[in-house]
Amino acid sequence: MESIKNNTPLNIMVFGAAGGIGRHCVEIALAKGHLVTAVLRTPSKLALTHPNLQLVKGDVTNPASFKDHLEGKDAVISTIGVNGGFGKDKPTTLYSLGAQNILASMEHTGANRAFFISASALEVSPVVPFFVRLLIKYVVQKLLKHMYEDLRRMETIIKQSAINWTIMRPPQLTDQPLTENYRVAINEYLKNGLKISRADLAHFIITSIDEPVTFKAIVETAY
């Protein structure tokens, strides 16, 4: 699915640009000729240089650190995440507070398009294999209890916003290379959607910025 304004350069802000999804969003956006502002707590962690790339030292928990850079942005992409994972889950408000600060700052500056990364395992999909449903309910949701609690708070905040948001709910993320060949479900469950690479997830985001069908929608992507 290519952007309906694919030949028009967009001005995009990416939070968490040093992470797997964020870096791919930056690289794909630059490759397509867009202007990118990458917001990072430690800009040196993004070892990229490009004439269309601006690095900003900022933190989603501190709106004053990035609000002035939102002026004129066509889209905002939040790929923030905790340093957690199985066995490291602990209470957090990063996702919900980050979304709240980003959305409030966007409303103040007039920016009107945003993507946020959630997780498909927030819900037990009825269209994945039975053993996967059991794994999600009795293992994944329990081991990542705190992270998922905050992702649910984040989704609630986003859904109350008037801007054109998209919540991405990817399944298991991999570091496989970009294929541009994946399946998509909008506001419904994706059958047997078990894996997606961070590169292909980023590709969908960048190429869907101007797609109205994704406005105020929950999207699943997988192979």
Protein backbone atom coordinates (compact mmCIF):
# COMPACT_ATOMS: atom_id res chain seq x y z
CA MET A 1 0.00 0.00 0.00
CA GLU A 2 1.77 3.14 -1.17
CA SER A 3 1.02 6.64 0.04
CA ILE A 4 -1.54 8.46 -2.10
CA LYS A 5 0.87 11.42 -2.00
CA ASN A 6 3.93 9.27 -2.56
CA ASN A 7 5.67 11.92 -4.70
CA THR A 8 5.17 14.70 -2.17
CA PRO A 9 7.90 14.96 0.49
CA LEU A 10 6.47 14.89 4.00
CA ASN A 11 7.85 16.38 7.19
CA ILE A 12 7.95 13.54 9.72
CA MET A 13 8.90 13.37 13.40
CA VAL A 14 10.04 10.04 14.86
CA PHE A 15 10.26 9.36 18.59
CA GLY A 16 12.50 6.49 19.69
CA ALA A 17 14.49 6.74 16.47
CA ALA A 18 17.45 4.72 17.78
CA GLY A 19 15.33 1.62 18.35
CA GLY A 20 14.67 -1.11 15.81
CA ILE A 21 11.34 0.15 14.46
CA GLY A 22 12.27 3.80 14.83
CA ARG A 23 15.54 3.52 12.94
CA HIS A 24 13.84 1.69 10.08
CA CYS A 25 11.16 4.41 9.96
CA VAL A 26 13.89 7.03 9.67
CA GLU A 27 15.82 5.14 6.99
CA ILE A 28 12.76 4.32 4.87
CA ALA A 29 11.38 7.85 5.14
CA LEU A 30 14.71 9.35 4.06
CA ALA A 31 14.99 6.86 1.19
CA LYS A 32 11.59 8.05 -0.05
CA GLY A 33 12.68 11.68 0.02
CA HIS A 34 10.90 12.80 3.18
CA LEU A 35 12.23 15.21 5.80
CA VAL A 36 12.78 13.56 9.18
CA THR A 37 13.18 14.96 12.68
CA ALA A 38 14.44 12.22 14.99
CA VAL A 39 13.79 12.79 18.69
CA LEU A 40 16.08 10.88 21.03
CA ARG A 41 17.18 11.16 24.64
CA THR A 42 20.70 10.47 23.38
CA PRO A 43 21.04 11.66 19.75
CA SER A 44 24.48 10.07 19.40
CA LYS A 45 22.82 6.64 19.49
CA LEU A 46 21.49 7.23 15.97
CA ALA A 47 24.60 7.00 13.82
CA LEU A 48 23.03 8.44 10.69
CA THR A 49 23.77 11.56 8.70
CA HIS A 50 21.60 12.86 5.89
CA PRO A 51 20.76 16.32 4.56
CA ASN A 52 17.06 15.67 5.26
CA LEU A 53 17.65 14.42 8.82
CA GLN A 54 17.55 16.58 11.95
CA LEU A 55 18.46 15.11 15.34
CA VAL A 56 16.75 16.55 18.41
CA LYS A 57 17.61 15.80 22.02
CA GLY A 58 14.20 15.21 23.58
CA ASP A 59 12.16 12.99 25.85
CA VAL A 60 8.47 12.09 25.56
CA THR A 61 8.11 12.58 29.32
CA ASN A 62 9.14 16.23 28.91
CA PRO A 63 6.96 17.99 26.29
CA ALA A 64 9.04 21.16 26.47
CA SER A 65 11.96 19.23 24.99
CA PHE A 66 10.22 18.59 21.68
CA LYS A 67 7.09 20.75 21.39
CA ASP A 68 8.76 23.57 19.43
CA HIS A 69 9.94 21.05 16.81
CA LEU A 70 6.37 19.90 16.05
CA GLU A 71 5.55 23.00 14.02
CA GLY A 72 4.90 22.09 10.39
CA LYS A 73 5.04 18.34 10.87
CA ASP A 74 2.85 16.22 8.57
CA ALA A 75 3.11 13.12 10.76
CA VAL A 76 4.42 11.95 14.11
CA ILE A 77 5.55 8.38 14.71
CA SER A 78 6.07 7.10 18.25
CA THR A 79 8.20 3.96 18.49
CA ILE A 80 9.12 4.39 22.15
CA GLY A 81 9.54 1.31 24.30
CA VAL A 82 10.74 0.19 27.71
CA ASN A 83 13.88 -1.87 28.21
CA GLY A 84 11.83 -4.80 29.37
CA GLY A 85 10.91 -8.16 27.94
CA PHE A 86 10.26 -11.52 29.51
CA GLY A 87 11.66 -11.64 33.03
CA LYS A 88 12.22 -7.87 33.11
CA ASP A 89 8.65 -6.59 33.23
CA LYS A 90 8.01 -3.87 35.77
CA PRO A 91 5.44 -1.09 36.29
CA THR A 92 5.71 1.72 33.74
CA THR A 93 3.85 4.78 32.52
CA LEU A 94 6.15 5.48 29.56
CA TYR A 95 3.64 4.51 26.88
CA SER A 96 0.59 6.26 28.33
CA LEU A 97 2.44 9.39 29.49
CA GLY A 98 4.36 9.55 26.24
CA ALA A 99 1.18 9.33 24.15
CA GLN A 100 -0.55 11.89 26.34
CA ASN A 101 2.32 14.37 25.97
CA ILE A 102 2.70 13.81 22.24
CA LEU A 103 -1.01 14.22 21.54
CA ALA A 104 -1.36 17.31 23.73
CA SER A 105 1.63 18.91 22.01
CA MET A 106 0.26 18.00 18.58
CA GLU A 107 -3.10 19.59 19.36
CA HIS A 108 -1.31 22.72 20.52
CA THR A 109 0.76 23.01 17.32
CA GLY A 110 -1.87 21.78 14.87
CA ALA A 111 -0.13 18.56 13.82
CA ASN A 112 -2.82 16.04 12.92
CA ARG A 113 -1.35 12.61 12.03
CA ALA A 114 0.26 10.09 14.36
CA PHE A 115 1.24 6.43 14.65
CA PHE A 116 1.73 4.58 17.92
CA ILE A 117 3.16 1.09 18.47
CA SER A 118 1.13 -1.26 20.67
CA ALA A 119 1.02 -5.10 20.62
CA SER A 120 -1.28 -7.69 19.07
CA ALA A 121 -1.17 -9.80 22.26
CA LEU A 122 -3.16 -7.17 24.15
CA GLU A 123 -6.12 -9.22 23.00
CA VAL A 124 -6.39 -12.95 22.45
CA SER A 125 -7.08 -13.14 18.73
CA PRO A 126 -9.73 -15.70 17.77
CA VAL A 127 -8.10 -16.26 14.37
CA VAL A 128 -4.68 -17.52 15.44
CA PRO A 129 -4.00 -21.22 16.19
CA PHE A 130 -5.38 -22.57 19.45
CA PHE A 131 -1.96 -23.15 21.00
CA VAL A 132 -1.02 -19.54 20.23
CA ARG A 133 -4.15 -18.34 22.01
CA LEU A 134 -3.17 -20.34 25.06
CA LEU A 135 0.37 -18.97 24.90
CA ILE A 136 -0.87 -15.40 24.70
CA LYS A 137 -3.37 -15.74 27.55
CA TYR A 138 -1.38 -17.82 30.02
CA VAL A 139 2.22 -16.86 29.25
CA VAL A 140 2.72 -13.63 27.28
CA GLN A 141 0.02 -11.56 28.99
CA LYS A 142 1.19 -12.69 32.42
CA LEU A 143 4.92 -12.24 31.87
CA LEU A 144 4.40 -8.78 30.33
CA LYS A 145 1.55 -7.77 32.65
CA HIS A 146 2.85 -4.31 33.56
CA MET A 147 3.86 -3.33 30.03
CA TYR A 148 0.50 -4.41 28.66
CA GLU A 149 -1.36 -2.55 31.38
CA ASP A 150 0.31 0.67 30.27
CA LEU A 151 -0.23 -0.11 26.58
CA ARG A 152 -3.95 -0.42 27.34
CA ARG A 153 -3.87 2.95 29.10
CA MET A 154 -2.04 4.34 26.07
CA GLU A 155 -4.64 3.01 23.64
CA THR A 156 -7.46 4.51 25.71
CA ILE A 157 -5.80 7.93 25.63
CA ILE A 158 -5.18 7.71 21.89
CA LYS A 159 -8.74 6.68 21.07
CA GLN A 160 -10.06 9.77 22.85
CA SER A 161 -7.96 12.07 20.66
CA ALA A 162 -9.43 14.06 17.78
CA ILE A 163 -6.31 13.74 15.61
CA ASN A 164 -5.91 11.14 12.85
CA TRP A 165 -4.20 8.41 14.85
CA THR A 166 -3.25 4.86 13.94
CA ILE A 167 -2.47 2.21 16.55
CA MET A 168 -0.16 -0.49 15.21
CA ARG A 169 -0.53 -3.88 16.88
CA PRO A 170 2.34 -6.01 15.58
CA PRO A 171 2.82 -9.67 16.54
CA GLN A 172 6.29 -11.07 17.29
CA LEU A 173 8.89 -8.69 15.88
CA THR A 174 11.98 -9.95 14.08
CA ASP A 175 15.14 -8.40 12.67
CA GLN A 176 14.68 -9.93 9.22
CA PRO A 177 15.31 -7.63 6.23
CA LEU A 178 12.74 -5.54 4.43
CA THR A 179 10.50 -7.53 2.04
CA GLU A 180 7.61 -5.08 1.40
CA ASN A 181 5.49 -8.23 1.24
CA TYR A 182 3.12 -8.61 4.18
CA ARG A 183 -0.56 -8.82 5.05
CA VAL A 184 -2.63 -6.12 6.73
CA ALA A 185 -5.89 -6.07 8.69
CA ILE A 186 -7.56 -2.79 9.60
CA ASN A 187 -9.94 -2.78 12.58
CA GLU A 188 -10.12 -6.56 12.54
CA TYR A 189 -7.99 -9.54 13.49
CA LEU A 190 -5.37 -10.77 11.04
CA LYS A 191 -5.65 -14.53 10.54
CA ASN A 192 -2.52 -16.42 11.63
CA GLY A 193 -0.61 -13.17 12.02
CA LEU A 194 2.37 -14.42 13.99
CA LYS A 195 5.48 -12.50 12.86
CA ILE A 196 6.58 -9.30 11.15
CA SER A 197 10.02 -7.74 10.78
CA ARG A 198 10.67 -4.32 12.25
CA ALA A 199 11.68 -3.18 8.77
CA ASP A 200 8.37 -4.23 7.19
CA LEU A 201 6.37 -2.72 10.04
CA ALA A 202 8.20 0.55 9.48
CA HIS A 203 7.57 0.28 5.74
CA PHE A 204 3.83 0.03 6.29
CA ILE A 205 3.86 3.06 8.58
CA ILE A 206 5.80 5.31 6.22
CA THR A 207 3.80 4.29 3.15
CA SER A 208 0.45 4.66 4.92
CA ILE A 209 0.76 8.15 6.34
CA ASP A 210 -1.72 9.62 3.84
CA GLU A 211 -4.06 6.61 3.69
CA PRO A 212 -7.46 7.67 5.12
CA VAL A 213 -8.46 4.03 5.69
CA THR A 214 -5.88 3.93 8.49
CA PHE A 215 -7.11 7.09 10.22
CA LYS A 216 -8.48 6.40 13.73
CA ALA A 217 -7.85 2.70 13.18
CA ILE A 218 -6.14 -0.26 14.81
CA VAL A 219 -3.92 -2.07 12.33
CA GLU A 220 -2.34 -5.53 12.41
CA THR A 221 0.46 -6.52 10.04
CA ALA A 222 2.14 -9.90 9.58
CA TYR A 223 3.45 -12.31 6.96
